[in-house]
Amino acid sequence: MARRTYVHDPELGMRLLSNVRSRVKHGSGGYLVSANTGGFRDHEFTTQRRPGVRRILLYGDSFTFGVGVDRKERFGDLLQAALSDVEI
């Protein structure tokens, strides 16, 4: 039986389950999906920005989500690794 990874959301349509960690089948063989407590495919974060650190919010589609790739290979995570004074 496949592990449940997504849940219906009345506003978004579908979203990740909070704190889920699952391998998703894909044409590339599959990829790991994990979500924070808010159901985002991201690290834990606070709503308050840390002093002296700028924030960039990424909104998008399957490319931003990183369908088909592990989190460390998503462009947002690569951008975060390259910019030490910015929180993505």
C-alpha atoms as a PDB file:
ATOM      1  CA  MET A   1       0.000   0.000   0.000  1.00  0.00           C
ATOM      2  CA  ALA A   2       1.348   3.431  -0.950  1.00  0.00           C
ATOM      3  CA  ARG A   3       1.865   5.962   1.802  1.00  0.00           C
ATOM      4  CA  ARG A   4      -0.420   8.965   1.673  1.00  0.00           C
ATOM      5  CA  THR A   5       1.543  12.112   0.804  1.00  0.00           C
ATOM      6  CA  TYR A   6      -1.077  14.680  -0.205  1.00  0.00           C
ATOM      7  CA  VAL A   7      -4.388  15.810   1.260  1.00  0.00           C
ATOM      8  CA  HIS A   8      -7.294  17.751  -0.231  1.00  0.00           C
ATOM      9  CA  ASP A   9      -7.259  21.447   0.636  1.00  0.00           C
ATOM     10  CA  PRO A  10     -10.417  23.514  -0.018  1.00  0.00           C
ATOM     11  CA  GLU A  11      -8.387  26.589  -1.030  1.00  0.00           C
ATOM     12  CA  LEU A  12      -5.367  25.059  -2.758  1.00  0.00           C
ATOM     13  CA  GLY A  13      -6.852  21.881  -4.175  1.00  0.00           C
ATOM     14  CA  MET A  14      -4.051  19.612  -2.940  1.00  0.00           C
ATOM     15  CA  ARG A  15      -1.231  20.115  -0.467  1.00  0.00           C
ATOM     16  CA  LEU A  16       1.370  18.023   1.283  1.00  0.00           C
ATOM     17  CA  LEU A  17       0.527  16.475   4.619  1.00  0.00           C
ATOM     18  CA  SER A  18       2.272  18.174   7.533  1.00  0.00           C
ATOM     19  CA  ASN A  19       5.570  16.518   8.479  1.00  0.00           C
ATOM     20  CA  VAL A  20       5.275  13.927   5.715  1.00  0.00           C
ATOM     21  CA  ARG A  21       8.336  12.113   4.394  1.00  0.00           C
ATOM     22  CA  SER A  22       7.676   9.917   1.391  1.00  0.00           C
ATOM     23  CA  ARG A  23       9.177   8.610  -1.833  1.00  0.00           C
ATOM     24  CA  VAL A  24       7.023   9.571  -4.833  1.00  0.00           C
ATOM     25  CA  LYS A  25       7.026   7.481  -8.009  1.00  0.00           C
ATOM     26  CA  HIS A  26       8.010   9.407 -11.135  1.00  0.00           C
ATOM     27  CA  GLY A  27       9.179   8.753 -14.677  1.00  0.00           C
ATOM     28  CA  SER A  28      12.728   9.401 -13.451  1.00  0.00           C
ATOM     29  CA  GLY A  29      12.322   6.561 -10.960  1.00  0.00           C
ATOM     30  CA  GLY A  30      11.098   8.587  -8.016  1.00  0.00           C
ATOM     31  CA  TYR A  31      12.081  11.327  -5.627  1.00  0.00           C
ATOM     32  CA  LEU A  32      11.920  12.076  -1.920  1.00  0.00           C
ATOM     33  CA  VAL A  33       9.285  14.522  -0.671  1.00  0.00           C
ATOM     34  CA  SER A  34       9.286  15.884   2.863  1.00  0.00           C
ATOM     35  CA  ALA A  35       7.199  18.693   4.337  1.00  0.00           C
ATOM     36  CA  ASN A  36       7.484  20.921   7.372  1.00  0.00           C
ATOM     37  CA  THR A  37       4.734  21.333   9.973  1.00  0.00           C
ATOM     38  CA  GLY A  38       2.941  23.805   7.685  1.00  0.00           C
ATOM     39  CA  GLY A  39       2.794  21.295   4.838  1.00  0.00           C
ATOM     40  CA  PHE A  40       5.376  23.144   2.735  1.00  0.00           C
ATOM     41  CA  ARG A  41       8.194  21.337   0.942  1.00  0.00           C
ATOM     42  CA  ASP A  42      10.678  23.392   2.901  1.00  0.00           C
ATOM     43  CA  HIS A  43      12.612  23.673   6.154  1.00  0.00           C
ATOM     44  CA  GLU A  44      10.855  24.933   9.275  1.00  0.00           C
ATOM     45  CA  PHE A  45      10.633  28.710   9.349  1.00  0.00           C
ATOM     46  CA  THR A  46       9.044  31.458  11.397  1.00  0.00           C
ATOM     47  CA  THR A  47       6.819  34.180  10.045  1.00  0.00           C
ATOM     48  CA  GLN A  48       9.131  36.799  11.560  1.00  0.00           C
ATOM     49  CA  ARG A  49      12.159  37.647   9.459  1.00  0.00           C
ATOM     50  CA  ARG A  50      15.497  37.537  11.264  1.00  0.00           C
ATOM     51  CA  PRO A  51      17.091  40.997  11.683  1.00  0.00           C
ATOM     52  CA  GLY A  52      19.525  41.843   8.894  1.00  0.00           C
ATOM     53  CA  VAL A  53      18.403  38.985   6.652  1.00  0.00           C
ATOM     54  CA  ARG A  54      16.386  39.597   3.498  1.00  0.00           C
ATOM     55  CA  ARG A  55      13.698  37.146   2.397  1.00  0.00           C
ATOM     56  CA  ILE A  56      12.724  35.962  -1.047  1.00  0.00           C
ATOM     57  CA  LEU A  57       9.436  34.096  -1.438  1.00  0.00           C
ATOM     58  CA  LEU A  58       9.098  31.697  -4.345  1.00  0.00           C
ATOM     59  CA  TYR A  59       5.662  31.052  -5.795  1.00  0.00           C
ATOM     60  CA  GLY A  60       5.103  28.822  -8.741  1.00  0.00           C
ATOM     61  CA  ASP A  61       4.071  25.545 -10.207  1.00  0.00           C
ATOM     62  CA  SER A  62       5.588  22.091 -10.514  1.00  0.00           C
ATOM     63  CA  PHE A  63       8.998  23.592 -11.382  1.00  0.00           C
ATOM     64  CA  THR A  64       9.083  25.580  -8.143  1.00  0.00           C
ATOM     65  CA  PHE A  65       7.823  22.575  -6.185  1.00  0.00           C
ATOM     66  CA  GLY A  66      10.509  20.422  -7.790  1.00  0.00           C
ATOM     67  CA  VAL A  67       8.451  17.595  -9.260  1.00  0.00           C
ATOM     68  CA  GLY A  68      10.822  14.819 -10.227  1.00  0.00           C
ATOM     69  CA  VAL A  69      13.792  15.936  -8.110  1.00  0.00           C
ATOM     70  CA  ASP A  70      14.887  15.649  -4.499  1.00  0.00           C
ATOM     71  CA  ARG A  71      14.642  18.850  -2.466  1.00  0.00           C
ATOM     72  CA  LYS A  72      18.373  19.597  -2.570  1.00  0.00           C
ATOM     73  CA  GLU A  73      18.126  19.760  -6.384  1.00  0.00           C
ATOM     74  CA  ARG A  74      15.287  22.320  -6.555  1.00  0.00           C
ATOM     75  CA  PHE A  75      16.266  25.756  -7.851  1.00  0.00           C
ATOM     76  CA  GLY A  76      15.126  27.451  -4.626  1.00  0.00           C
ATOM     77  CA  ASP A  77      17.423  25.268  -2.538  1.00  0.00           C
ATOM     78  CA  LEU A  78      20.313  25.845  -4.945  1.00  0.00           C
ATOM     79  CA  LEU A  79      19.667  29.589  -4.749  1.00  0.00           C
ATOM     80  CA  GLN A  80      19.600  29.432  -0.939  1.00  0.00           C
ATOM     81  CA  ALA A  81      22.988  27.680  -0.912  1.00  0.00           C
ATOM     82  CA  ALA A  82      24.470  30.400  -3.127  1.00  0.00           C
ATOM     83  CA  LEU A  83      23.104  33.387  -1.141  1.00  0.00           C
ATOM     84  CA  SER A  84      24.213  33.354   2.477  1.00  0.00           C
ATOM     85  CA  ASP A  85      22.593  36.687   3.459  1.00  0.00           C
ATOM     86  CA  VAL A  86      19.158  35.833   2.069  1.00  0.00           C
ATOM     87  CA  GLU A  87      16.487  33.430   3.288  1.00  0.00           C
ATOM     88  CA  ILE A  88      14.571  31.733   0.477  1.00  0.00           C
END
